[in-house]
Amino acid sequence: MPALVNYSGDDDFYNGGSFYTNSTDLGRLCSISSQVDVYCPPRKRTRISAPFHFGEAEVEQNKQPSIDVLPDECLVEIFKRISGGKERSSCACVSKHWLMLLTSIRKGEYESSKVVKENFGSNSGDVEMILSEEDDGYLTRCLEGKKATDMRLAAVAVGTSGHGGLGKLSIRGSSSSRGVTNFGLSAVARGCPSLKVLSLWNVPRVGDEGLCEIAKECHLLEKLDLCQCPHLSNKGLIAIAANCPNLTALSIQSCPKIGNEGLQAIGKLCPKLQSISIKDCPLVGDHGVSSLLSSASSVLSKVKLQGLSITDFSLAVIGHYGKSVTNLMLSGLQNVSEKGFWVMGNAQGLQKLVSFTIASCWGVSDVSLEAIGKGCANLKQMCLRRCCFVSGDGLVAFAKSAGSLECLQLEECNRVTQSGVIGVLSNCGLKSLTLVKCMGIKDISLEAPLSSSCNSLKSLSIRNCPGFGTASLAMVGRLCPQLQHVDLSGLCAITDAGLLPLLENCEAGLVKVNLSGCLNLTDEVVLHLTKLHGATLELLNLNGCRRITDASLAAAAENCVFLSDLDVSSCAITDVGIAALSHAEQLNLQVLSFSGCSGVSNKSMTFLKKLGKTLVGLNLQHCNSISTQTIELLVESLWRCDILF
């Protein structure tokens, strides 16, 4: 129905006559007749000879959307009344300006977040509050490299609010020119109060202002990880401590402006803190570390201190107050002496300590190590890396004093000798022993009979220890008859004669065997291994054993029942060996590697397809005799298998 235009302002309907008192007004109406439907009785049109000009300013104004004319304050009030997160996300897509306005609104300022339903039951006076949108922090977002910008963070803040709420945010790497700043972090703080986990890695443009905004708005924060944030200082950490009482885990690495004051605030105001990791922070000293451990409400269970300028005092505090500590790692503490480790052990406070790692600490010696063994009654796992003053005698004394020790790992401890290793195995109930790059071990044949055996040892890993040879291996085989996992990777000196006694003495049946890099081993070892342990063997790694041929694959196909992971990379394997594997009906191989086997050609495609019925991983890299066309056919046929080529 045509619109009725009432010029005089009343509600009467004019049956005839003109609405206008002169011809000029009538001409103006006719000039806009194409835009507005107007009711006008038929009459003779008056000719207008004089030209007129319609207001140009009014035309220009009508061309613009009317909502953009509104000031930002009005737009913000409109946005606050938008009911759902989906609608707010649609508004954020209109323009960057609208997105910025939406990020300035806190989650609690939306009208939909203030909906309260009072439910008074007949027998109860309870008040039930129902939020129109769930905000439990179910979502996880990770921004890396060039994707880590303020605009993306703003979009995350707006977009996640209506879909369960943002619970975990990780920012890893940021451009120095267009990267994340305090603005982006503030947008997340205002829009995502449900945030529980925040990780900031290498964000040089974020400072205390952004972290303070997180502390102000995200009171549910539980885990905070700060790495390479040069502009974050004690101010931001103090704000976190004051506003985030639920903080349970804090990790700080390479933050040069964070020091003792921030850690003291964390120790006093975060009673639920369970895990602390501090690495390469030059301003952190004894006062900061001691305040964390000496807090009356301290429930710290995991402590990692690396590359700090702390002294013996901090270790004494750890030994006295660390009654809840179960996992402790100390690395690169150059100012800690033998006395510090000795006092820590004799303080008798680390009764709950289960796992202890010491790396590159000059203060660790035979005396201090024995004190640690005596003071940590429940210690089960011990790892020593680059502790150059620990000898074989000290290791034996430690093993005797640590009655609960189950796992021992030594890396680059060059004063440890063969007699020390044999002594440890003979004097404690170890379940796992790992030696890595221990250059002090020499292959010496002991004439004296071994006093006792280590029936508890299930796992033996000796990697890249060039002095560990045939004689040492034979002694270990006699000492440890219950081995199930054996890793001898990188032992170039061992031969078939040295390994065979170990294989023959393993009564329980080997399950996992890694012989990668053992250049002198031949098919004879694999033949004995599969015959003796084929009923239990699940993993066999022969990577780089150049003297292993198709005969080993035939032996595995004939004797192994549960073998699921086989690696014969860089071995003398050909199509004949693969054919033998494919004809073994009992095999259920899942991971198979032939990388660098030049003898494998296109002829193996049929056999690989047959094996591929159970495979989930196949490595054919550097198999130069296999054509690209064959690889493409295999990829198409074995679509469930991840093929590397």
Foldseek 3Di string as FASTA:
>chain_A
DFDEDQPVPDDDDDPADDNDPDLVVVVVCVVCCVPGGYDHDDDDRDDDDDDDDDDPVVVVVVVDPPVVVDDLVVVLVVLLADAALVVLLVQVVPDVVSLLSVLVAAPCSRPQQVDFDQDCDPPHRDGDGDRPAAAQAPDEDEAEADRAALSVLSSCLSNCLRPRAHAYYEYAHADPVGHYALNSLLSNLRRGLNYAYYAYEHGARYALNSLLSNLVRNQNHAEYHEYNHARYALNSLLSNLQRHQNHAEYAYYNHARYEQNSLLSNLARHLNHAEYAYEDHARYEQNSLLSNQVRPSHQHAYYHYEQYAYELNSLLSCLQRVQNHAYYEYYHHARYALVSLLNSLQNLRQQNHAEYEYEPYQRDALNSLLSNLQSHARHAYYEYYCHQRYALVSLLSSLQSNANYAEYEYYQNQRYELVSVLSSQFRYQYQEYEYYQRANYAQDADPDDRDAARANHAEYAYEQHQRCELRSLLSNLVRYQQYAYYHYAQHQHYELNSCVNSLVSNPNAHAEYHHANNQHYALVNLLSNLQSRQDRYAYYHHHHNARYELSSLLSNLVRHQRHAYYHPENYQYALSSLQSNLPRPRDQYAEYEHHNHCRYALVNLVSVLSNLVRYQEYEHHNNVRYDPVSVVVSCVSSVNHDYHD
